[in-house]
Amino acid sequence: VNKLKELVDGLHAQRSEDARKRRVEVQHLAEIQELRRKVVHTFLGYHSRFEDDRNRWNTILEGGEFWLKQPVTPYRSFRRCEIQKGSRILKGVDAMIRDSASM
């Protein structure tokens, strides 16, 4: 009987630990998603108000590893070298600053 009680207690403790791990993981995923939302919101704010501070752009664009694909539009100015396969590809901070200036 004591052995069964110990087994039940062990299973209950393991179950509680598994539930705690799941809650921590869900909370972690929610925090990551909230951070991503904030970065996108900041990106759109910088883009819409012509932010020309390279340091701010570098903070949210991970340095030079960022690229953005947009359609080619006749009413915005852009460099011809940005066109690839019928789309505009903006690479890096300088391209984003130029693009926000053409808004």
N, C-alpha and C. Protein backbone atom coordinates (compact mmCIF):
# COMPACT_ATOMS: atom_id res chain seq x y z
N VAL A 1 0.83 -1.19 0.00
CA VAL A 1 0.00 0.00 0.00
C VAL A 1 0.88 1.26 0.00
N ASN A 2 1.93 1.25 0.83
CA ASN A 2 2.83 2.40 0.88
C ASN A 2 3.54 2.61 -0.47
N LYS A 3 3.87 1.49 -1.11
CA LYS A 3 4.54 1.59 -2.40
C LYS A 3 3.61 2.23 -3.43
N LEU A 4 2.32 1.88 -3.40
CA LEU A 4 1.36 2.49 -4.31
C LEU A 4 1.20 3.98 -4.04
N LYS A 5 1.19 4.34 -2.76
CA LYS A 5 1.09 5.76 -2.40
C LYS A 5 2.30 6.53 -2.93
N GLU A 6 3.47 5.95 -2.79
CA GLU A 6 4.69 6.60 -3.30
C GLU A 6 4.64 6.73 -4.81
N LEU A 7 4.15 5.69 -5.48
CA LEU A 7 4.03 5.73 -6.93
C LEU A 7 3.05 6.81 -7.38
N VAL A 8 1.91 6.91 -6.70
CA VAL A 8 0.91 7.94 -7.02
C VAL A 8 1.49 9.32 -6.77
N ASP A 9 2.19 9.50 -5.65
CA ASP A 9 2.80 10.80 -5.35
C ASP A 9 3.84 11.17 -6.41
N GLY A 10 4.63 10.18 -6.82
CA GLY A 10 5.63 10.43 -7.86
C GLY A 10 4.99 10.83 -9.18
N LEU A 11 3.93 10.12 -9.57
CA LEU A 11 3.22 10.44 -10.81
C LEU A 11 2.56 11.83 -10.73
N HIS A 12 2.02 12.15 -9.57
CA HIS A 12 1.40 13.46 -9.38
C HIS A 12 2.45 14.58 -9.48
N ALA A 13 3.60 14.35 -8.89
CA ALA A 13 4.68 15.36 -8.95
C ALA A 13 5.16 15.53 -10.40
N GLN A 14 5.30 14.42 -11.11
CA GLN A 14 5.73 14.50 -12.50
C GLN A 14 4.70 15.22 -13.35
N ARG A 15 3.43 14.94 -13.12
CA ARG A 15 2.35 15.60 -13.85
C ARG A 15 2.35 17.10 -13.57
N SER A 16 2.54 17.46 -12.32
CA SER A 16 2.58 18.88 -11.96
C SER A 16 3.77 19.58 -12.62
N GLU A 17 4.90 18.92 -12.66
CA GLU A 17 6.09 19.49 -13.28
C GLU A 17 5.89 19.65 -14.79
N ASP A 18 5.27 18.67 -15.43
CA ASP A 18 5.00 18.77 -16.87
C ASP A 18 4.05 19.93 -17.16
N ALA A 19 3.04 20.09 -16.33
CA ALA A 19 2.09 21.20 -16.52
C ALA A 19 2.80 22.54 -16.32
N ARG A 20 3.69 22.63 -15.35
CA ARG A 20 4.43 23.86 -15.12
C ARG A 20 5.33 24.18 -16.32
N LYS A 21 5.99 23.17 -16.88
CA LYS A 21 6.85 23.37 -18.04
C LYS A 21 6.03 23.87 -19.23
N ARG A 22 4.84 23.31 -19.42
CA ARG A 22 3.99 23.75 -20.53
C ARG A 22 3.57 25.22 -20.33
N ARG A 23 3.22 25.59 -19.12
CA ARG A 23 2.84 26.99 -18.85
C ARG A 23 3.99 27.94 -19.11
N VAL A 24 5.20 27.55 -18.71
CA VAL A 24 6.39 28.38 -18.93
C VAL A 24 6.65 28.52 -20.43
N GLU A 25 6.52 27.44 -21.18
CA GLU A 25 6.75 27.48 -22.63
C GLU A 25 5.71 28.36 -23.32
N VAL A 26 4.45 28.24 -22.93
CA VAL A 26 3.40 29.07 -23.52
C VAL A 26 3.66 30.55 -23.21
N GLN A 27 4.06 30.84 -21.99
CA GLN A 27 4.37 32.22 -21.62
C GLN A 27 5.55 32.74 -22.43
N HIS A 28 6.56 31.91 -22.63
CA HIS A 28 7.73 32.31 -23.41
C HIS A 28 7.34 32.61 -24.86
N LEU A 29 6.52 31.77 -25.45
CA LEU A 29 6.06 32.00 -26.82
C LEU A 29 5.23 33.29 -26.92
N ALA A 30 4.40 33.56 -25.91
CA ALA A 30 3.61 34.79 -25.90
C ALA A 30 4.51 36.02 -25.81
N GLU A 31 5.58 35.93 -25.02
CA GLU A 31 6.52 37.05 -24.92
C GLU A 31 7.24 37.29 -26.24
N ILE A 32 7.64 36.22 -26.92
CA ILE A 32 8.30 36.36 -28.22
C ILE A 32 7.35 37.00 -29.22
N GLN A 33 6.09 36.56 -29.23
CA GLN A 33 5.12 37.12 -30.17
C GLN A 33 4.88 38.60 -29.88
N GLU A 34 4.81 38.98 -28.63
CA GLU A 34 4.62 40.39 -28.27
C GLU A 34 5.82 41.23 -28.71
N LEU A 35 7.01 40.70 -28.54
CA LEU A 35 8.21 41.41 -28.97
C LEU A 35 8.20 41.60 -30.49
N ARG A 36 7.82 40.58 -31.22
CA ARG A 36 7.74 40.69 -32.68
C ARG A 36 6.73 41.74 -33.09
N ARG A 37 5.59 41.79 -32.41
CA ARG A 37 4.59 42.82 -32.72
C ARG A 37 5.16 44.22 -32.49
N LYS A 38 5.87 44.39 -31.41
CA LYS A 38 6.47 45.70 -31.12
C LYS A 38 7.48 46.09 -32.19
N VAL A 39 8.29 45.14 -32.64
CA VAL A 39 9.29 45.42 -33.67
C VAL A 39 8.60 45.82 -34.98
N VAL A 40 7.56 45.09 -35.36
CA VAL A 40 6.83 45.43 -36.59
C VAL A 40 6.17 46.80 -36.46
N HIS A 41 5.60 47.09 -35.32
CA HIS A 41 4.98 48.40 -35.08
C HIS A 41 6.02 49.50 -35.18
N THR A 42 7.17 49.30 -34.59
CA THR A 42 8.26 50.28 -34.66
C THR A 42 8.73 50.44 -36.10
N PHE A 43 8.90 49.33 -36.81
CA PHE A 43 9.31 49.36 -38.21
C PHE A 43 8.34 50.22 -39.04
N LEU A 44 7.05 49.95 -38.90
CA LEU A 44 6.06 50.70 -39.67
C LEU A 44 6.05 52.18 -39.28
N GLY A 45 6.27 52.47 -38.01
CA GLY A 45 6.35 53.86 -37.58
C GLY A 45 7.55 54.57 -38.18
N TYR A 46 8.70 53.93 -38.15
CA TYR A 46 9.91 54.53 -38.75
C TYR A 46 9.70 54.75 -40.25
N HIS A 47 9.12 53.77 -40.90
CA HIS A 47 8.93 53.84 -42.35
C HIS A 47 7.95 54.95 -42.73
N SER A 48 6.90 55.12 -41.96
CA SER A 48 5.88 56.11 -42.31
C SER A 48 6.29 57.54 -42.00
N ARG A 49 7.19 57.74 -41.05
CA ARG A 49 7.56 59.12 -40.70
C ARG A 49 8.97 59.50 -41.13
N PHE A 50 9.53 58.74 -42.08
CA PHE A 50 10.86 59.00 -42.63
C PHE A 50 11.91 59.14 -41.54
N GLU A 51 12.12 58.09 -40.82
CA GLU A 51 13.18 58.04 -39.81
C GLU A 51 14.51 57.88 -40.54
N ASP A 52 15.42 58.84 -40.35
CA ASP A 52 16.70 58.77 -41.06
C ASP A 52 17.88 58.46 -40.13
N ASP A 53 17.59 58.07 -38.90
CA ASP A 53 18.64 57.71 -37.95
C ASP A 53 19.04 56.25 -38.18
N ARG A 54 20.25 56.05 -38.69
CA ARG A 54 20.74 54.70 -39.00
C ARG A 54 20.78 53.80 -37.75
N ASN A 55 21.12 54.38 -36.61
CA ASN A 55 21.22 53.57 -35.38
C ASN A 55 19.87 52.98 -35.00
N ARG A 56 18.82 53.77 -35.13
CA ARG A 56 17.48 53.26 -34.81
C ARG A 56 17.09 52.13 -35.76
N TRP A 57 17.34 52.34 -37.05
CA TRP A 57 17.03 51.29 -38.02
C TRP A 57 17.86 50.04 -37.75
N ASN A 58 19.14 50.21 -37.44
CA ASN A 58 19.99 49.05 -37.15
C ASN A 58 19.47 48.26 -35.96
N THR A 59 18.90 48.95 -34.98
CA THR A 59 18.40 48.28 -33.79
C THR A 59 17.30 47.29 -34.13
N ILE A 60 16.39 47.68 -35.03
CA ILE A 60 15.27 46.77 -35.32
C ILE A 60 15.49 45.89 -36.54
N LEU A 61 16.48 46.20 -37.38
CA LEU A 61 16.69 45.42 -38.60
C LEU A 61 17.85 44.45 -38.54
N GLU A 62 18.40 44.22 -37.39
CA GLU A 62 19.50 43.26 -37.22
C GLU A 62 20.67 43.58 -38.14
N GLY A 63 21.05 44.82 -38.19
CA GLY A 63 22.20 45.22 -39.00
C GLY A 63 21.90 45.14 -40.48
N GLY A 64 22.74 44.47 -41.24
CA GLY A 64 22.59 44.43 -42.69
C GLY A 64 21.95 43.18 -43.23
N GLU A 65 21.39 42.33 -42.41
CA GLU A 65 20.84 41.06 -42.88
C GLU A 65 19.36 41.14 -43.22
N PHE A 66 18.81 42.33 -43.23
CA PHE A 66 17.39 42.52 -43.48
C PHE A 66 17.12 42.74 -44.97
N TRP A 67 16.00 42.20 -45.47
CA TRP A 67 15.55 42.52 -46.82
C TRP A 67 14.04 42.55 -46.82
N LEU A 68 13.49 43.37 -47.72
CA LEU A 68 12.05 43.55 -47.84
C LEU A 68 11.66 43.47 -49.31
N LYS A 69 10.65 42.67 -49.59
CA LYS A 69 10.16 42.52 -50.96
C LYS A 69 8.88 43.33 -51.12
N GLN A 70 8.86 44.19 -52.15
CA GLN A 70 7.69 45.03 -52.43
C GLN A 70 7.36 44.98 -53.91
N PRO A 71 6.13 45.30 -54.26
CA PRO A 71 5.81 45.38 -55.69
C PRO A 71 6.42 46.64 -56.31
N VAL A 72 6.67 46.59 -57.59
CA VAL A 72 7.16 47.77 -58.32
C VAL A 72 5.97 48.70 -58.52
N THR A 73 6.12 49.95 -58.10
CA THR A 73 5.03 50.92 -58.24
C THR A 73 5.52 52.12 -59.04
N PRO A 74 4.69 52.65 -59.94
CA PRO A 74 5.11 53.76 -60.78
C PRO A 74 5.15 55.11 -60.06
N TYR A 75 4.52 55.23 -58.92
CA TYR A 75 4.41 56.51 -58.23
C TYR A 75 5.44 56.71 -57.12
N ARG A 76 6.40 55.81 -57.00
CA ARG A 76 7.44 55.96 -55.99
C ARG A 76 8.80 55.89 -56.67
N SER A 77 9.72 56.68 -56.16
CA SER A 77 11.07 56.65 -56.74
C SER A 77 11.89 55.55 -56.07
N PHE A 78 12.72 54.89 -56.87
CA PHE A 78 13.58 53.84 -56.35
C PHE A 78 14.69 53.58 -57.35
N ARG A 79 15.70 52.90 -56.90
CA ARG A 79 16.84 52.56 -57.76
C ARG A 79 16.47 51.39 -58.67
N ARG A 80 16.95 51.45 -59.88
CA ARG A 80 16.68 50.38 -60.84
C ARG A 80 17.30 49.06 -60.39
N CYS A 81 18.42 49.13 -59.68
CA CYS A 81 19.09 47.90 -59.24
C CYS A 81 18.28 47.15 -58.17
N GLU A 82 17.25 47.78 -57.60
CA GLU A 82 16.42 47.11 -56.60
C GLU A 82 15.41 46.15 -57.22
N ILE A 83 15.22 46.21 -58.52
CA ILE A 83 14.23 45.36 -59.18
C ILE A 83 14.86 44.00 -59.48
N GLN A 84 14.19 42.96 -59.00
CA GLN A 84 14.61 41.58 -59.24
C GLN A 84 13.37 40.73 -59.47
N LYS A 85 13.29 40.12 -60.63
CA LYS A 85 12.17 39.24 -60.98
C LYS A 85 10.82 39.94 -60.80
N GLY A 86 10.73 41.18 -61.23
CA GLY A 86 9.46 41.90 -61.21
C GLY A 86 9.06 42.47 -59.86
N SER A 87 9.91 42.39 -58.86
CA SER A 87 9.63 42.94 -57.53
C SER A 87 10.78 43.82 -57.10
N ARG A 88 10.50 44.68 -56.16
CA ARG A 88 11.57 45.48 -55.55
C ARG A 88 12.09 44.75 -54.33
N ILE A 89 13.39 44.60 -54.25
CA ILE A 89 14.02 43.96 -53.10
C ILE A 89 14.89 45.02 -52.43
N LEU A 90 14.52 45.39 -51.21
CA LEU A 90 15.29 46.35 -50.43
C LEU A 90 16.17 45.58 -49.46
N LYS A 91 17.46 45.86 -49.49
CA LYS A 91 18.40 45.14 -48.63
C LYS A 91 19.13 46.14 -47.74
N GLY A 92 18.99 45.95 -46.45
CA GLY A 92 19.75 46.74 -45.49
C GLY A 92 19.11 48.05 -45.08
N VAL A 93 19.79 48.71 -44.17
CA VAL A 93 19.30 49.93 -43.55
C VAL A 93 19.22 51.08 -44.54
N ASP A 94 20.26 51.26 -45.35
CA ASP A 94 20.27 52.39 -46.28
C ASP A 94 19.11 52.31 -47.26
N ALA A 95 18.80 51.13 -47.74
CA ALA A 95 17.68 50.96 -48.66
C ALA A 95 16.35 51.30 -47.99
N MET A 96 16.22 50.94 -46.71
CA MET A 96 14.98 51.26 -46.00
C MET A 96 14.86 52.77 -45.78
N ILE A 97 15.95 53.44 -45.49
CA ILE A 97 15.92 54.89 -45.30
C ILE A 97 15.54 55.55 -46.62
N ARG A 98 16.12 55.11 -47.72
CA ARG A 98 15.76 55.67 -49.03
C ARG A 98 14.29 55.42 -49.35
N ASP A 99 13.82 54.23 -49.05
CA ASP A 99 12.43 53.88 -49.34
C ASP A 99 11.47 54.73 -48.51
N SER A 100 11.77 54.92 -47.25
CA SER A 100 10.87 55.73 -46.42
C SER A 100 10.88 57.19 -46.87
N ALA A 101 11.98 57.65 -47.47
CA ALA A 101 12.05 59.02 -47.98
C ALA A 101 11.14 59.20 -49.19
N SER A 102 10.87 58.11 -49.92
CA SER A 102 10.05 58.22 -51.12
C SER A 102 8.57 58.10 -50.83
N MET A 103 8.19 57.97 -49.59
CA MET A 103 6.77 57.85 -49.23
C MET A 103 6.03 59.15 -49.46
